[in-house]
Every structure is written in C-alpha cells, then in structure tokens.
PDB file of N, CA and C in Angstrom:
ATOM      1  N   MET A   1       0.813  -1.194   0.000  1.00  0.00           N
ATOM      2  CA  MET A   1       0.000   0.000   0.000  1.00  0.00           C
ATOM      3  C   MET A   1       0.858   1.259   0.000  1.00  0.00           C
ATOM      4  N   ASP A   2       2.085   1.164   0.465  1.00  0.00           N
ATOM      5  CA  ASP A   2       2.931   2.354   0.534  1.00  0.00           C
ATOM      6  C   ASP A   2       3.276   2.900  -0.848  1.00  0.00           C
ATOM      7  N   LYS A   3       3.269   2.040  -1.864  1.00  0.00           N
ATOM      8  CA  LYS A   3       3.682   2.475  -3.197  1.00  0.00           C
ATOM      9  C   LYS A   3       2.510   2.885  -4.080  1.00  0.00           C
ATOM     10  N   LEU A   4       1.289   2.788  -3.571  1.00  0.00           N
ATOM     11  CA  LEU A   4       0.127   3.170  -4.366  1.00  0.00           C
ATOM     12  C   LEU A   4       0.036   4.678  -4.475  1.00  0.00           C
ATOM     13  N   ARG A   5      -0.419   5.120  -5.634  1.00  0.00           N
ATOM     14  CA  ARG A   5      -0.649   6.551  -5.847  1.00  0.00           C
ATOM     15  C   ARG A   5      -2.145   6.772  -6.019  1.00  0.00           C
ATOM     16  N   PHE A   6      -2.668   7.686  -5.260  1.00  0.00           N
ATOM     17  CA  PHE A   6      -4.097   7.984  -5.318  1.00  0.00           C
ATOM     18  C   PHE A   6      -4.321   9.279  -6.063  1.00  0.00           C
ATOM     19  N   PRO A   7      -5.430   9.474  -6.718  1.00  0.00           N
ATOM     20  CA  PRO A   7      -6.526   8.519  -6.879  1.00  0.00           C
ATOM     21  C   PRO A   7      -6.153   7.429  -7.882  1.00  0.00           C
ATOM     22  N   LEU A   8      -6.659   6.232  -7.638  1.00  0.00           N
ATOM     23  CA  LEU A   8      -6.429   5.112  -8.547  1.00  0.00           C
ATOM     24  C   LEU A   8      -7.340   5.257  -9.758  1.00  0.00           C
ATOM     25  N   THR A   9      -6.839   4.906 -10.916  1.00  0.00           N
ATOM     26  CA  THR A   9      -7.651   4.913 -12.133  1.00  0.00           C
ATOM     27  C   THR A   9      -7.551   3.550 -12.793  1.00  0.00           C
ATOM     28  N   LEU A  10      -8.611   3.139 -13.450  1.00  0.00           N
ATOM     29  CA  LEU A  10      -8.643   1.861 -14.153  1.00  0.00           C
ATOM     30  C   LEU A  10      -8.673   2.110 -15.646  1.00  0.00           C
ATOM     31  N   ARG A  11      -8.010   1.239 -16.390  1.00  0.00           N
ATOM     32  CA  ARG A  11      -8.023   1.299 -17.842  1.00  0.00           C
ATOM     33  C   ARG A  11      -7.835  -0.110 -18.366  1.00  0.00           C
ATOM     34  N   ARG A  12      -8.105  -0.298 -19.646  1.00  0.00           N
ATOM     35  CA  ARG A  12      -7.862  -1.604 -20.272  1.00  0.00           C
ATOM     36  C   ARG A  12      -6.355  -1.834 -20.355  1.00  0.00           C
ATOM     37  N   TRP A  13      -5.963  -3.094 -20.364  1.00  0.00           N
ATOM     38  CA  TRP A  13      -4.533  -3.393 -20.444  1.00  0.00           C
ATOM     39  C   TRP A  13      -4.024  -3.051 -21.835  1.00  0.00           C
ATOM     40  N   GLN A  14      -2.743  -2.747 -21.881  1.00  0.00           N
ATOM     41  CA  GLN A  14      -2.088  -2.415 -23.141  1.00  0.00           C
ATOM     42  C   GLN A  14      -0.842  -3.278 -23.273  1.00  0.00           C
ATOM     43  N   ALA A  15      -0.407  -3.501 -24.508  1.00  0.00           N
ATOM     44  CA  ALA A  15       0.808  -4.282 -24.748  1.00  0.00           C
ATOM     45  C   ALA A  15       1.958  -3.653 -23.972  1.00  0.00           C
ATOM     46  N   GLY A  16       2.711  -4.468 -23.281  1.00  0.00           N
ATOM     47  CA  GLY A  16       3.845  -3.977 -22.504  1.00  0.00           C
ATOM     48  C   GLY A  16       3.529  -3.746 -21.042  1.00  0.00           C
ATOM     49  N   ASP A  17       2.233  -3.817 -20.648  1.00  0.00           N
ATOM     50  CA  ASP A  17       1.868  -3.643 -19.242  1.00  0.00           C
ATOM     51  C   ASP A  17       2.437  -4.798 -18.424  1.00  0.00           C
ATOM     52  N   SER A  18       2.915  -4.488 -17.240  1.00  0.00           N
ATOM     53  CA  SER A  18       3.464  -5.519 -16.361  1.00  0.00           C
ATOM     54  C   SER A  18       2.989  -5.266 -14.942  1.00  0.00           C
ATOM     55  N   PHE A  19       3.173  -6.268 -14.103  1.00  0.00           N
ATOM     56  CA  PHE A  19       2.845  -6.142 -12.689  1.00  0.00           C
ATOM     57  C   PHE A  19       3.820  -6.987 -11.895  1.00  0.00           C
ATOM     58  N   MET A  20       3.857  -6.780 -10.603  1.00  0.00           N
ATOM     59  CA  MET A  20       4.756  -7.523  -9.728  1.00  0.00           C
ATOM     60  C   MET A  20       3.910  -8.502  -8.906  1.00  0.00           C
ATOM     61  N   PRO A  21       3.890  -9.786  -9.308  1.00  0.00           N
ATOM     62  CA  PRO A  21       3.103 -10.765  -8.557  1.00  0.00           C
ATOM     63  C   PRO A  21       3.646 -10.937  -7.140  1.00  0.00           C
ATOM     64  N   ARG A  22       2.750 -11.135  -6.205  1.00  0.00           N
ATOM     65  CA  ARG A  22       3.155 -11.355  -4.820  1.00  0.00           C
ATOM     66  C   ARG A  22       4.023 -12.607  -4.751  1.00  0.00           C
ATOM     67  N   GLY A  23       5.125 -12.522  -4.062  1.00  0.00           N
ATOM     68  CA  GLY A  23       6.018 -13.656  -3.901  1.00  0.00           C
ATOM     69  C   GLY A  23       7.137 -13.719  -4.928  1.00  0.00           C
ATOM     70  N   LEU A  24       7.060 -12.926  -5.986  1.00  0.00           N
ATOM     71  CA  LEU A  24       8.127 -12.889  -6.981  1.00  0.00           C
ATOM     72  C   LEU A  24       8.915 -11.600  -6.828  1.00  0.00           C
ATOM     73  N   LYS A  25      10.172 -11.650  -7.247  1.00  0.00           N
ATOM     74  CA  LYS A  25      11.036 -10.480  -7.106  1.00  0.00           C
ATOM     75  C   LYS A  25      11.163  -9.685  -8.397  1.00  0.00           C
ATOM     76  N   SER A  26      10.478 -10.129  -9.442  1.00  0.00           N
ATOM     77  CA  SER A  26      10.584  -9.418 -10.716  1.00  0.00           C
ATOM     78  C   SER A  26       9.194  -9.204 -11.311  1.00  0.00           C
ATOM     79  N   LYS A  27       9.141  -8.299 -12.273  1.00  0.00           N
ATOM     80  CA  LYS A  27       7.880  -7.995 -12.943  1.00  0.00           C
ATOM     81  C   LYS A  27       7.526  -9.104 -13.919  1.00  0.00           C
ATOM     82  N   LYS A  28       6.238  -9.200 -14.217  1.00  0.00           N
ATOM     83  CA  LYS A  28       5.751 -10.163 -15.201  1.00  0.00           C
ATOM     84  C   LYS A  28       4.833  -9.409 -16.158  1.00  0.00           C
ATOM     85  N   LEU A  29       5.016  -9.658 -17.458  1.00  0.00           N
ATOM     86  CA  LEU A  29       4.137  -9.027 -18.436  1.00  0.00           C
ATOM     87  C   LEU A  29       2.724  -9.563 -18.266  1.00  0.00           C
ATOM     88  N   LEU A  30       1.765  -8.673 -18.303  1.00  0.00           N
ATOM     89  CA  LEU A  30       0.372  -9.069 -18.154  1.00  0.00           C
ATOM     90  C   LEU A  30      -0.045 -10.036 -19.256  1.00  0.00           C
ATOM     91  N   SER A  31       0.467  -9.840 -20.470  1.00  0.00           N
ATOM     92  CA  SER A  31       0.124 -10.747 -21.573  1.00  0.00           C
ATOM     93  C   SER A  31       0.601 -12.170 -21.270  1.00  0.00           C
ATOM     94  N   TYR A  32       1.796 -12.328 -20.690  1.00  0.00           N
ATOM     95  CA  TYR A  32       2.298 -13.659 -20.336  1.00  0.00           C
ATOM     96  C   TYR A  32       1.460 -14.271 -19.222  1.00  0.00           C
ATOM     97  N   PHE A  33       1.026 -13.444 -18.274  1.00  0.00           N
ATOM     98  CA  PHE A  33       0.179 -13.921 -17.185  1.00  0.00           C
ATOM     99  C   PHE A  33      -1.141 -14.454 -17.738  1.00  0.00           C
ATOM    100  N   LEU A  34      -1.767 -13.695 -18.649  1.00  0.00           N
ATOM    101  CA  LEU A  34      -3.040 -14.128 -19.227  1.00  0.00           C
ATOM    102  C   LEU A  34      -2.875 -15.414 -20.026  1.00  0.00           C
ATOM    103  N   ILE A  35      -1.757 -15.557 -20.733  1.00  0.00           N
ATOM    104  CA  ILE A  35      -1.485 -16.790 -21.475  1.00  0.00           C
ATOM    105  C   ILE A  35      -1.323 -17.951 -20.496  1.00  0.00           C
ATOM    106  N   GLY A  36      -0.566 -17.744 -19.422  1.00  0.00           N
ATOM    107  CA  GLY A  36      -0.344 -18.783 -18.424  1.00  0.00           C
ATOM    108  C   GLY A  36      -1.618 -19.215 -17.723  1.00  0.00           C
ATOM    109  N   GLN A  37      -2.559 -18.302 -17.591  1.00  0.00           N
ATOM    110  CA  GLN A  37      -3.846 -18.617 -16.968  1.00  0.00           C
ATOM    111  C   GLN A  37      -4.832 -19.209 -17.967  1.00  0.00           C
ATOM    112  N   LYS A  38      -4.377 -19.342 -19.224  1.00  0.00           N
ATOM    113  CA  LYS A  38      -5.203 -19.880 -20.310  1.00  0.00           C
ATOM    114  C   LYS A  38      -6.497 -19.081 -20.475  1.00  0.00           C
ATOM    115  N   ALA A  39      -6.378 -17.766 -20.374  1.00  0.00           N
ATOM    116  CA  ALA A  39      -7.529 -16.883 -20.555  1.00  0.00           C
ATOM    117  C   ALA A  39      -7.948 -16.891 -22.021  1.00  0.00           C
ATOM    118  N   PRO A  40      -9.250 -17.014 -22.295  1.00  0.00           N
ATOM    119  CA  PRO A  40      -9.712 -16.975 -23.686  1.00  0.00           C
ATOM    120  C   PRO A  40      -9.398 -15.633 -24.335  1.00  0.00           C
ATOM    121  N   LEU A  41      -9.222 -15.628 -25.645  1.00  0.00           N
ATOM    122  CA  LEU A  41      -8.869 -14.403 -26.358  1.00  0.00           C
ATOM    123  C   LEU A  41      -9.868 -13.283 -26.117  1.00  0.00           C
ATOM    124  N   ASN A  42     -11.170 -13.607 -26.073  1.00  0.00           N
ATOM    125  CA  ASN A  42     -12.153 -12.547 -25.865  1.00  0.00           C
ATOM    126  C   ASN A  42     -12.014 -11.932 -24.470  1.00  0.00           C
ATOM    127  N   LEU A  43     -11.596 -12.704 -23.490  1.00  0.00           N
ATOM    128  CA  LEU A  43     -11.375 -12.161 -22.152  1.00  0.00           C
ATOM    129  C   LEU A  43     -10.161 -11.246 -22.145  1.00  0.00           C
ATOM    130  N   LYS A  44      -9.126 -11.616 -22.885  1.00  0.00           N
ATOM    131  CA  LYS A  44      -7.935 -10.769 -22.967  1.00  0.00           C
ATOM    132  C   LYS A  44      -8.288  -9.410 -23.556  1.00  0.00           C
ATOM    133  N   ASP A  45      -9.173  -9.403 -24.548  1.00  0.00           N
ATOM    134  CA  ASP A  45      -9.570  -8.144 -25.170  1.00  0.00           C
ATOM    135  C   ASP A  45     -10.407  -7.288 -24.230  1.00  0.00           C
ATOM    136  N   GLU A  46     -11.170  -7.925 -23.339  1.00  0.00           N
ATOM    137  CA  GLU A  46     -12.042  -7.190 -22.427  1.00  0.00           C
ATOM    138  C   GLU A  46     -11.330  -6.767 -21.155  1.00  0.00           C
ATOM    139  N   ALA A  47     -10.233  -7.417 -20.820  1.00  0.00           N
ATOM    140  CA  ALA A  47      -9.542  -7.140 -19.550  1.00  0.00           C
ATOM    141  C   ALA A  47      -8.873  -5.790 -19.565  1.00  0.00           C
TER     142      ALA A  47
END
C-alpha cells in the first residue's frame, strides 16, 4: 500500500503492461500472465 498513488484509475490493459506478482522479485508481463492462466482471447480483449 505504501507504493500506491491515489486517486487510482482503471483502464484496459495495453501491450507492454506488467505487474509484480506477490512472492516474486521481478515484474511479469500481463500478456504472459493471461497466457499462463489460459484466458480466452475474448477475455484478454475485455480485460
């Protein structure tokens, strides 16, 4: 919570977006995460 910037805004994901999963020490591309979760293509477009 210390690193959050307020106000928070939401947007659709874009190519190159990454996040830091809890328990990992490095960033992960959101596209790789969605592939690993076997998310359907239509869900990827809506996320």
